[in-house]
Amino acid sequence: MMKNILETLTYPVDGKGMYEITTDTSAWVNKHQLDKGHLNLFIQHTSASLTIMENASPDVLDDIKDFFMKLVPEDSSLYKHGYEGDDDMPAHIKYMLT
């Protein structure tokens, strides 16, 4: 029999950036004693996304952050939308790319 579980997990954040949620997600799966099935994760924010990648080196996250800063500059003169500051539209673009 397949279980259907709906639960909201909250992750405190300290501004923009990438946040590791693997440990918490694994703990949730273990708490519910799940060994197979589907896990759907949904972020309730208009400019946030989920990525799946290896995390063997902390340099990876720094390199990704630096790459996105070059690819999608936080310069309000480049965008029409910017209600929430210089990083508003770039955050939407980064979300779309990931």
PDB file of N, CA and C in Angstrom:
ATOM      1  N   MET A   1       0.838  -1.178   0.000  1.00  0.00           N
ATOM      2  CA  MET A   1       0.000   0.000   0.000  1.00  0.00           C
ATOM      3  C   MET A   1       0.888   1.249   0.000  1.00  0.00           C
ATOM      4  N   MET A   2       0.538   2.205  -0.837  1.00  0.00           N
ATOM      5  CA  MET A   2       1.305   3.439  -0.915  1.00  0.00           C
ATOM      6  C   MET A   2       0.786   4.443   0.109  1.00  0.00           C
ATOM      7  N   LYS A   3       1.722   5.097   0.801  1.00  0.00           N
ATOM      8  CA  LYS A   3       1.359   6.145   1.756  1.00  0.00           C
ATOM      9  C   LYS A   3       1.303   7.486   1.035  1.00  0.00           C
ATOM     10  N   ASN A   4       0.360   8.301   1.421  1.00  0.00           N
ATOM     11  CA  ASN A   4       0.309   9.686   0.973  1.00  0.00           C
ATOM     12  C   ASN A   4       0.458  10.564   2.209  1.00  0.00           C
ATOM     13  N   ILE A   5       1.536  11.333   2.230  1.00  0.00           N
ATOM     14  CA  ILE A   5       1.824  12.167   3.395  1.00  0.00           C
ATOM     15  C   ILE A   5       2.017  13.600   2.898  1.00  0.00           C
ATOM     16  N   LEU A   6       1.328  14.513   3.506  1.00  0.00           N
ATOM     17  CA  LEU A   6       1.486  15.930   3.183  1.00  0.00           C
ATOM     18  C   LEU A   6       1.970  16.628   4.441  1.00  0.00           C
ATOM     19  N   GLU A   7       3.089  17.276   4.316  1.00  0.00           N
ATOM     20  CA  GLU A   7       3.667  17.949   5.478  1.00  0.00           C
ATOM     21  C   GLU A   7       4.433  19.172   5.004  1.00  0.00           C
ATOM     22  N   THR A   8       4.429  20.213   5.795  1.00  0.00           N
ATOM     23  CA  THR A   8       5.181  21.423   5.484  1.00  0.00           C
ATOM     24  C   THR A   8       6.428  21.470   6.353  1.00  0.00           C
ATOM     25  N   LEU A   9       7.556  21.596   5.697  1.00  0.00           N
ATOM     26  CA  LEU A   9       8.827  21.774   6.396  1.00  0.00           C
ATOM     27  C   LEU A   9       9.266  23.211   6.187  1.00  0.00           C
ATOM     28  N   THR A  10       9.759  23.840   7.215  1.00  0.00           N
ATOM     29  CA  THR A  10      10.195  25.230   7.135  1.00  0.00           C
ATOM     30  C   THR A  10      11.696  25.296   7.351  1.00  0.00           C
ATOM     31  N   TYR A  11      12.360  26.035   6.480  1.00  0.00           N
ATOM     32  CA  TYR A  11      13.810  26.205   6.579  1.00  0.00           C
ATOM     33  C   TYR A  11      14.129  27.686   6.758  1.00  0.00           C
ATOM     34  N   PRO A  12      14.687  28.039   7.893  1.00  0.00           N
ATOM     35  CA  PRO A  12      15.085  29.442   8.067  1.00  0.00           C
ATOM     36  C   PRO A  12      16.274  29.750   7.152  1.00  0.00           C
ATOM     37  N   VAL A  13      16.245  30.894   6.525  1.00  0.00           N
ATOM     38  CA  VAL A  13      17.330  31.303   5.638  1.00  0.00           C
ATOM     39  C   VAL A  13      17.856  32.660   6.070  1.00  0.00           C
ATOM     40  N   ASP A  14      19.062  32.927   5.678  1.00  0.00           N
ATOM     41  CA  ASP A  14      19.712  34.186   6.008  1.00  0.00           C
ATOM     42  C   ASP A  14      20.044  34.911   4.704  1.00  0.00           C
ATOM     43  N   GLY A  15      19.013  35.285   3.969  1.00  0.00           N
ATOM     44  CA  GLY A  15      19.229  35.992   2.719  1.00  0.00           C
ATOM     45  C   GLY A  15      19.404  35.051   1.547  1.00  0.00           C
ATOM     46  N   LYS A  16      19.786  35.635   0.406  1.00  0.00           N
ATOM     47  CA  LYS A  16      19.928  34.850  -0.815  1.00  0.00           C
ATOM     48  C   LYS A  16      21.102  33.889  -0.691  1.00  0.00           C
ATOM     49  N   GLY A  17      21.020  32.823  -1.426  1.00  0.00           N
ATOM     50  CA  GLY A  17      22.090  31.840  -1.411  1.00  0.00           C
ATOM     51  C   GLY A  17      21.562  30.453  -1.663  1.00  0.00           C
ATOM     52  N   MET A  18      22.458  29.488  -1.567  1.00  0.00           N
ATOM     53  CA  MET A  18      22.085  28.087  -1.724  1.00  0.00           C
ATOM     54  C   MET A  18      22.113  27.441  -0.345  1.00  0.00           C
ATOM     55  N   TYR A  19      21.089  26.648  -0.061  1.00  0.00           N
ATOM     56  CA  TYR A  19      20.957  26.026   1.248  1.00  0.00           C
ATOM     57  C   TYR A  19      20.843  24.515   1.098  1.00  0.00           C
ATOM     58  N   GLU A  20      21.583  23.804   1.887  1.00  0.00           N
ATOM     59  CA  GLU A  20      21.598  22.345   1.872  1.00  0.00           C
ATOM     60  C   GLU A  20      20.435  21.817   2.699  1.00  0.00           C
ATOM     61  N   ILE A  21      19.572  20.983   2.083  1.00  0.00           N
ATOM     62  CA  ILE A  21      18.425  20.414   2.803  1.00  0.00           C
ATOM     63  C   ILE A  21      18.436  18.885   2.788  1.00  0.00           C
ATOM     64  N   THR A  22      19.519  18.288   2.313  1.00  0.00           N
ATOM     65  CA  THR A  22      19.585  16.832   2.179  1.00  0.00           C
ATOM     66  C   THR A  22      19.402  16.117   3.510  1.00  0.00           C
ATOM     67  N   THR A  23      20.101  16.557   4.543  1.00  0.00           N
ATOM     68  CA  THR A  23      20.021  15.889   5.846  1.00  0.00           C
ATOM     69  C   THR A  23      18.601  15.930   6.394  1.00  0.00           C
ATOM     70  N   ASP A  24      17.963  17.098   6.328  1.00  0.00           N
ATOM     71  CA  ASP A  24      16.586  17.231   6.823  1.00  0.00           C
ATOM     72  C   ASP A  24      15.612  16.397   5.999  1.00  0.00           C
ATOM     73  N   THR A  25      15.815  16.370   4.683  1.00  0.00           N
ATOM     74  CA  THR A  25      14.935  15.584   3.813  1.00  0.00           C
ATOM     75  C   THR A  25      15.089  14.092   4.110  1.00  0.00           C
ATOM     76  N   SER A  26      16.320  13.634   4.262  1.00  0.00           N
ATOM     77  CA  SER A  26      16.565  12.226   4.598  1.00  0.00           C
ATOM     78  C   SER A  26      15.970  11.862   5.952  1.00  0.00           C
ATOM     79  N   ALA A  27      16.088  12.761   6.909  1.00  0.00           N
ATOM     80  CA  ALA A  27      15.519  12.514   8.237  1.00  0.00           C
ATOM     81  C   ALA A  27      13.999  12.402   8.148  1.00  0.00           C
ATOM     82  N   TRP A  28      13.366  13.228   7.319  1.00  0.00           N
ATOM     83  CA  TRP A  28      11.921  13.165   7.145  1.00  0.00           C
ATOM     84  C   TRP A  28      11.511  11.815   6.554  1.00  0.00           C
ATOM     85  N   VAL A  29      12.226  11.368   5.521  1.00  0.00           N
ATOM     86  CA  VAL A  29      11.940  10.068   4.894  1.00  0.00           C
ATOM     87  C   VAL A  29      12.106   8.952   5.914  1.00  0.00           C
ATOM     88  N   ASN A  30      13.171   8.987   6.692  1.00  0.00           N
ATOM     89  CA  ASN A  30      13.412   7.957   7.712  1.00  0.00           C
ATOM     90  C   ASN A  30      12.349   7.991   8.808  1.00  0.00           C
ATOM     91  N   LYS A  31      11.933   9.190   9.216  1.00  0.00           N
ATOM     92  CA  LYS A  31      10.910   9.325  10.260  1.00  0.00           C
ATOM     93  C   LYS A  31       9.615   8.623   9.858  1.00  0.00           C
ATOM     94  N   HIS A  32       9.295   8.699   8.576  1.00  0.00           N
ATOM     95  CA  HIS A  32       8.062   8.084   8.087  1.00  0.00           C
ATOM     96  C   HIS A  32       8.281   6.653   7.593  1.00  0.00           C
ATOM     97  N   GLN A  33       9.475   6.137   7.779  1.00  0.00           N
ATOM     98  CA  GLN A  33       9.825   4.759   7.418  1.00  0.00           C
ATOM     99  C   GLN A  33       9.487   4.439   5.959  1.00  0.00           C
ATOM    100  N   LEU A  34       9.895   5.333   5.080  1.00  0.00           N
ATOM    101  CA  LEU A  34       9.646   5.160   3.647  1.00  0.00           C
ATOM    102  C   LEU A  34      10.864   4.505   3.001  1.00  0.00           C
ATOM    103  N   ASP A  35      10.632   3.476   2.180  1.00  0.00           N
ATOM    104  CA  ASP A  35      11.764   2.844   1.517  1.00  0.00           C
ATOM    105  C   ASP A  35      11.656   2.877  -0.003  1.00  0.00           C
ATOM    106  N   LYS A  36      10.483   3.236  -0.543  1.00  0.00           N
ATOM    107  CA  LYS A  36      10.332   3.443  -1.980  1.00  0.00           C
ATOM    108  C   LYS A  36       9.103   4.307  -2.223  1.00  0.00           C
ATOM    109  N   GLY A  37       9.085   4.951  -3.381  1.00  0.00           N
ATOM    110  CA  GLY A  37       7.966   5.818  -3.719  1.00  0.00           C
ATOM    111  C   GLY A  37       8.434   7.094  -4.379  1.00  0.00           C
ATOM    112  N   HIS A  38       7.603   8.074  -4.343  1.00  0.00           N
ATOM    113  CA  HIS A  38       7.890   9.382  -4.947  1.00  0.00           C
ATOM    114  C   HIS A  38       7.885  10.441  -3.855  1.00  0.00           C
ATOM    115  N   LEU A  39       8.824  11.353  -3.957  1.00  0.00           N
ATOM    116  CA  LEU A  39       8.873  12.484  -3.034  1.00  0.00           C
ATOM    117  C   LEU A  39       8.757  13.754  -3.868  1.00  0.00           C
ATOM    118  N   ASN A  40       7.733  14.529  -3.622  1.00  0.00           N
ATOM    119  CA  ASN A  40       7.549  15.802  -4.312  1.00  0.00           C
ATOM    120  C   ASN A  40       7.878  16.924  -3.347  1.00  0.00           C
ATOM    121  N   LEU A  41       8.779  17.793  -3.767  1.00  0.00           N
ATOM    122  CA  LEU A  41       9.149  18.952  -2.960  1.00  0.00           C
ATOM    123  C   LEU A  41       8.680  20.202  -3.699  1.00  0.00           C
ATOM    124  N   PHE A  42       8.070  21.101  -2.967  1.00  0.00           N
ATOM    125  CA  PHE A  42       7.548  22.342  -3.538  1.00  0.00           C
ATOM    126  C   PHE A  42       7.993  23.498  -2.672  1.00  0.00           C
ATOM    127  N   ILE A  43       8.608  24.489  -3.281  1.00  0.00           N
ATOM    128  CA  ILE A  43       9.034  25.680  -2.550  1.00  0.00           C
ATOM    129  C   ILE A  43       8.005  26.776  -2.803  1.00  0.00           C
ATOM    130  N   GLN A  44       7.487  27.333  -1.743  1.00  0.00           N
ATOM    131  CA  GLN A  44       6.435  28.339  -1.855  1.00  0.00           C
ATOM    132  C   GLN A  44       7.031  29.747  -1.906  1.00  0.00           C
ATOM    133  N   HIS A  45       7.816  29.996  -2.913  1.00  0.00           N
ATOM    134  CA  HIS A  45       8.395  31.329  -3.102  1.00  0.00           C
ATOM    135  C   HIS A  45       8.562  31.552  -4.594  1.00  0.00           C
ATOM    136  N   THR A  46       8.307  32.757  -5.054  1.00  0.00           N
ATOM    137  CA  THR A  46       8.311  33.023  -6.492  1.00  0.00           C
ATOM    138  C   THR A  46       9.685  33.037  -7.130  1.00  0.00           C
ATOM    139  N   SER A  47      10.741  33.154  -6.355  1.00  0.00           N
ATOM    140  CA  SER A  47      12.073  33.195  -6.967  1.00  0.00           C
ATOM    141  C   SER A  47      13.044  32.260  -6.251  1.00  0.00           C
ATOM    142  N   ALA A  48      12.548  31.097  -5.859  1.00  0.00           N
ATOM    143  CA  ALA A  48      13.395  30.074  -5.248  1.00  0.00           C
ATOM    144  C   ALA A  48      13.215  28.782  -6.031  1.00  0.00           C
ATOM    145  N   SER A  49      14.237  27.952  -6.043  1.00  0.00           N
ATOM    146  CA  SER A  49      14.153  26.701  -6.785  1.00  0.00           C
ATOM    147  C   SER A  49      14.930  25.612  -6.056  1.00  0.00           C
ATOM    148  N   LEU A  50      14.720  24.392  -6.517  1.00  0.00           N
ATOM    149  CA  LEU A  50      15.439  23.237  -5.997  1.00  0.00           C
ATOM    150  C   LEU A  50      16.422  22.757  -7.054  1.00  0.00           C
ATOM    151  N   THR A  51      17.612  22.421  -6.643  1.00  0.00           N
ATOM    152  CA  THR A  51      18.573  21.793  -7.544  1.00  0.00           C
ATOM    153  C   THR A  51      19.068  20.509  -6.891  1.00  0.00           C
ATOM    154  N   ILE A  52      19.430  19.562  -7.720  1.00  0.00           N
ATOM    155  CA  ILE A  52      19.985  18.303  -7.234  1.00  0.00           C
ATOM    156  C   ILE A  52      21.396  18.206  -7.793  1.00  0.00           C
ATOM    157  N   MET A  53      22.369  18.063  -6.900  1.00  0.00           N
ATOM    158  CA  MET A  53      23.764  17.983  -7.334  1.00  0.00           C
ATOM    159  C   MET A  53      24.612  17.369  -6.234  1.00  0.00           C
ATOM    160  N   GLU A  54      25.791  16.925  -6.615  1.00  0.00           N
ATOM    161  CA  GLU A  54      26.713  16.425  -5.601  1.00  0.00           C
ATOM    162  C   GLU A  54      27.241  17.606  -4.808  1.00  0.00           C
ATOM    163  N   ASN A  55      27.659  17.332  -3.603  1.00  0.00           N
ATOM    164  CA  ASN A  55      28.114  18.412  -2.734  1.00  0.00           C
ATOM    165  C   ASN A  55      29.390  17.984  -2.021  1.00  0.00           C
ATOM    166  N   ALA A  56      30.335  17.425  -2.780  1.00  0.00           N
ATOM    167  CA  ALA A  56      31.553  16.899  -2.178  1.00  0.00           C
ATOM    168  C   ALA A  56      32.502  17.998  -1.716  1.00  0.00           C
ATOM    169  N   SER A  57      32.446  19.141  -2.360  1.00  0.00           N
ATOM    170  CA  SER A  57      33.368  20.229  -2.035  1.00  0.00           C
ATOM    171  C   SER A  57      32.596  21.519  -1.820  1.00  0.00           C
ATOM    172  N   PRO A  58      32.907  22.256  -0.748  1.00  0.00           N
ATOM    173  CA  PRO A  58      32.238  23.550  -0.544  1.00  0.00           C
ATOM    174  C   PRO A  58      32.557  24.551  -1.654  1.00  0.00           C
ATOM    175  N   ASP A  59      33.646  24.322  -2.384  1.00  0.00           N
ATOM    176  CA  ASP A  59      33.995  25.207  -3.494  1.00  0.00           C
ATOM    177  C   ASP A  59      32.937  25.198  -4.585  1.00  0.00           C
ATOM    178  N   VAL A  60      32.208  24.085  -4.714  1.00  0.00           N
ATOM    179  CA  VAL A  60      31.180  23.986  -5.756  1.00  0.00           C
ATOM    180  C   VAL A  60      30.131  25.076  -5.571  1.00  0.00           C
ATOM    181  N   LEU A  61      29.632  25.239  -4.357  1.00  0.00           N
ATOM    182  CA  LEU A  61      28.606  26.259  -4.113  1.00  0.00           C
ATOM    183  C   LEU A  61      29.146  27.660  -4.359  1.00  0.00           C
ATOM    184  N   ASP A  62      30.391  27.918  -3.964  1.00  0.00           N
ATOM    185  CA  ASP A  62      31.004  29.225  -4.228  1.00  0.00           C
ATOM    186  C   ASP A  62      31.132  29.473  -5.725  1.00  0.00           C
ATOM    187  N   ASP A  63      31.571  28.448  -6.465  1.00  0.00           N
ATOM    188  CA  ASP A  63      31.726  28.604  -7.912  1.00  0.00           C
ATOM    189  C   ASP A  63      30.387  28.840  -8.601  1.00  0.00           C
ATOM    190  N   ILE A  64      29.345  28.142  -8.153  1.00  0.00           N
ATOM    191  CA  ILE A  64      28.019  28.338  -8.747  1.00  0.00           C
ATOM    192  C   ILE A  64      27.526  29.754  -8.458  1.00  0.00           C
ATOM    193  N   LYS A  65      27.696  30.212  -7.224  1.00  0.00           N
ATOM    194  CA  LYS A  65      27.287  31.573  -6.872  1.00  0.00           C
ATOM    195  C   LYS A  65      28.023  32.592  -7.735  1.00  0.00           C
ATOM    196  N   ASP A  66      29.340  32.434  -7.878  1.00  0.00           N
ATOM    197  CA  ASP A  66      30.134  33.357  -8.698  1.00  0.00           C
ATOM    198  C   ASP A  66      29.706  33.316 -10.159  1.00  0.00           C
ATOM    199  N   PHE A  67      29.417  32.115 -10.668  1.00  0.00           N
ATOM    200  CA  PHE A  67      28.981  31.967 -12.056  1.00  0.00           C
ATOM    201  C   PHE A  67      27.663  32.714 -12.290  1.00  0.00           C
ATOM    202  N   PHE A  68      26.696  32.523 -11.386  1.00  0.00           N
ATOM    203  CA  PHE A  68      25.408  33.183 -11.552  1.00  0.00           C
ATOM    204  C   PHE A  68      25.530  34.702 -11.433  1.00  0.00           C
ATOM    205  N   MET A  69      26.437  35.187 -10.602  1.00  0.00           N
ATOM    206  CA  MET A  69      26.625  36.635 -10.491  1.00  0.00           C
ATOM    207  C   MET A  69      27.146  37.214 -11.810  1.00  0.00           C
ATOM    208  N   LYS A  70      27.952  36.440 -12.539  1.00  0.00           N
ATOM    209  CA  LYS A  70      28.448  36.892 -13.844  1.00  0.00           C
ATOM    210  C   LYS A  70      27.381  36.722 -14.921  1.00  0.00           C
ATOM    211  N   LEU A  71      26.667  35.598 -14.892  1.00  0.00           N
ATOM    212  CA  LEU A  71      25.666  35.297 -15.905  1.00  0.00           C
ATOM    213  C   LEU A  71      24.447  36.214 -15.793  1.00  0.00           C
ATOM    214  N   VAL A  72      24.012  36.494 -14.555  1.00  0.00           N
ATOM    215  CA  VAL A  72      22.816  37.295 -14.306  1.00  0.00           C
ATOM    216  C   VAL A  72      23.182  38.404 -13.313  1.00  0.00           C
ATOM    217  N   PRO A  73      23.754  39.500 -13.812  1.00  0.00           N
ATOM    218  CA  PRO A  73      24.200  40.566 -12.914  1.00  0.00           C
ATOM    219  C   PRO A  73      23.059  41.225 -12.147  1.00  0.00           C
ATOM    220  N   GLU A  74      23.349  41.632 -10.937  1.00  0.00           N
ATOM    221  CA  GLU A  74      22.372  42.342 -10.102  1.00  0.00           C
ATOM    222  C   GLU A  74      22.516  43.840 -10.348  1.00  0.00           C
ATOM    223  N   ASP A  75      22.067  44.254 -11.510  1.00  0.00           N
ATOM    224  CA  ASP A  75      22.157  45.649 -11.949  1.00  0.00           C
ATOM    225  C   ASP A  75      20.762  46.076 -12.386  1.00  0.00           C
ATOM    226  N   SER A  76      20.098  46.882 -11.575  1.00  0.00           N
ATOM    227  CA  SER A  76      18.705  47.243 -11.840  1.00  0.00           C
ATOM    228  C   SER A  76      18.517  47.983 -13.162  1.00  0.00           C
ATOM    229  N   SER A  77      19.578  48.567 -13.708  1.00  0.00           N
ATOM    230  CA  SER A  77      19.432  49.271 -14.987  1.00  0.00           C
ATOM    231  C   SER A  77      19.215  48.304 -16.155  1.00  0.00           C
ATOM    232  N   LEU A  78      19.439  47.004 -15.933  1.00  0.00           N
ATOM    233  CA  LEU A  78      19.282  46.009 -16.991  1.00  0.00           C
ATOM    234  C   LEU A  78      17.866  45.441 -17.091  1.00  0.00           C
ATOM    235  N   TYR A  79      17.019  45.712 -16.099  1.00  0.00           N
ATOM    236  CA  TYR A  79      15.717  45.067 -16.016  1.00  0.00           C
ATOM    237  C   TYR A  79      14.604  46.081 -15.774  1.00  0.00           C
ATOM    238  N   LYS A  80      13.417  45.760 -16.249  1.00  0.00           N
ATOM    239  CA  LYS A  80      12.238  46.585 -15.976  1.00  0.00           C
ATOM    240  C   LYS A  80      11.684  46.290 -14.587  1.00  0.00           C
ATOM    241  N   HIS A  81      11.630  45.008 -14.236  1.00  0.00           N
ATOM    242  CA  HIS A  81      11.052  44.577 -12.955  1.00  0.00           C
ATOM    243  C   HIS A  81      12.102  44.696 -11.855  1.00  0.00           C
ATOM    244  N   GLY A  82      11.734  45.235 -10.735  1.00  0.00           N
ATOM    245  CA  GLY A  82      12.682  45.357  -9.638  1.00  0.00           C
ATOM    246  C   GLY A  82      12.039  45.888  -8.377  1.00  0.00           C
ATOM    247  N   TYR A  83      10.798  45.478  -8.124  1.00  0.00           N
ATOM    248  CA  TYR A  83      10.054  45.998  -6.974  1.00  0.00           C
ATOM    249  C   TYR A  83      10.759  45.771  -5.645  1.00  0.00           C
ATOM    250  N   GLU A  84      11.513  44.696  -5.543  1.00  0.00           N
ATOM    251  CA  GLU A  84      12.110  44.337  -4.256  1.00  0.00           C
ATOM    252  C   GLU A  84      13.620  44.557  -4.220  1.00  0.00           C
ATOM    253  N   GLY A  85      14.147  45.342  -5.128  1.00  0.00           N
ATOM    254  CA  GLY A  85      15.568  45.662  -5.085  1.00  0.00           C
ATOM    255  C   GLY A  85      16.338  45.144  -6.285  1.00  0.00           C
ATOM    256  N   ASP A  86      17.638  45.399  -6.275  1.00  0.00           N
ATOM    257  CA  ASP A  86      18.503  45.054  -7.407  1.00  0.00           C
ATOM    258  C   ASP A  86      18.569  43.553  -7.688  1.00  0.00           C
ATOM    259  N   ASP A  87      18.321  42.732  -6.670  1.00  0.00           N
ATOM    260  CA  ASP A  87      18.415  41.285  -6.891  1.00  0.00           C
ATOM    261  C   ASP A  87      17.070  40.648  -7.233  1.00  0.00           C
ATOM    262  N   ASP A  88      16.005  41.441  -7.351  1.00  0.00           N
ATOM    263  CA  ASP A  88      14.665  40.899  -7.579  1.00  0.00           C
ATOM    264  C   ASP A  88      14.562  40.169  -8.919  1.00  0.00           C
ATOM    265  N   MET A  89      14.768  40.859 -10.016  1.00  0.00           N
ATOM    266  CA  MET A  89      14.655  40.218 -11.331  1.00  0.00           C
ATOM    267  C   MET A  89      15.743  39.164 -11.535  1.00  0.00           C
ATOM    268  N   PRO A  90      16.999  39.415 -11.148  1.00  0.00           N
ATOM    269  CA  PRO A  90      17.993  38.348 -11.269  1.00  0.00           C
ATOM    270  C   PRO A  90      17.589  37.069 -10.531  1.00  0.00           C
ATOM    271  N   ALA A  91      16.921  37.204  -9.388  1.00  0.00           N
ATOM    272  CA  ALA A  91      16.473  36.012  -8.655  1.00  0.00           C
ATOM    273  C   ALA A  91      15.447  35.235  -9.470  1.00  0.00           C
ATOM    274  N   HIS A  92      14.554  35.931 -10.164  1.00  0.00           N
ATOM    275  CA  HIS A  92      13.569  35.256 -11.004  1.00  0.00           C
ATOM    276  C   HIS A  92      14.262  34.526 -12.169  1.00  0.00           C
ATOM    277  N   ILE A  93      15.265  35.149 -12.756  1.00  0.00           N
ATOM    278  CA  ILE A  93      15.987  34.523 -13.869  1.00  0.00           C
ATOM    279  C   ILE A  93      16.748  33.289 -13.381  1.00  0.00           C
ATOM    280  N   LYS A  94      17.415  33.395 -12.248  1.00  0.00           N
ATOM    281  CA  LYS A  94      18.153  32.249 -11.699  1.00  0.00           C
ATOM    282  C   LYS A  94      17.201  31.103 -11.393  1.00  0.00           C
ATOM    283  N   TYR A  95      16.023  31.439 -10.858  1.00  0.00           N
ATOM    284  CA  TYR A  95      15.009  30.424 -10.568  1.00  0.00           C
ATOM    285  C   TYR A  95      14.622  29.689 -11.847  1.00  0.00           C
ATOM    286  N   MET A  96      14.393  30.459 -12.935  1.00  0.00           N
ATOM    287  CA  MET A  96      13.996  29.867 -14.190  1.00  0.00           C
ATOM    288  C   MET A  96      15.088  28.950 -14.747  1.00  0.00           C
ATOM    289  N   LEU A  97      16.326  29.313 -14.584  1.00  0.00           N
ATOM    290  CA  LEU A  97      17.443  28.525 -15.103  1.00  0.00           C
ATOM    291  C   LEU A  97      17.689  27.243 -14.310  1.00  0.00           C
ATOM    292  N   THR A  98      17.321  27.255 -13.039  1.00  0.00           N
ATOM    293  CA  THR A  98      17.561  26.060 -12.234  1.00  0.00           C
ATOM    294  C   THR A  98      16.309  25.232 -12.094  1.00  0.00           C
TER     295      THR A  98
END
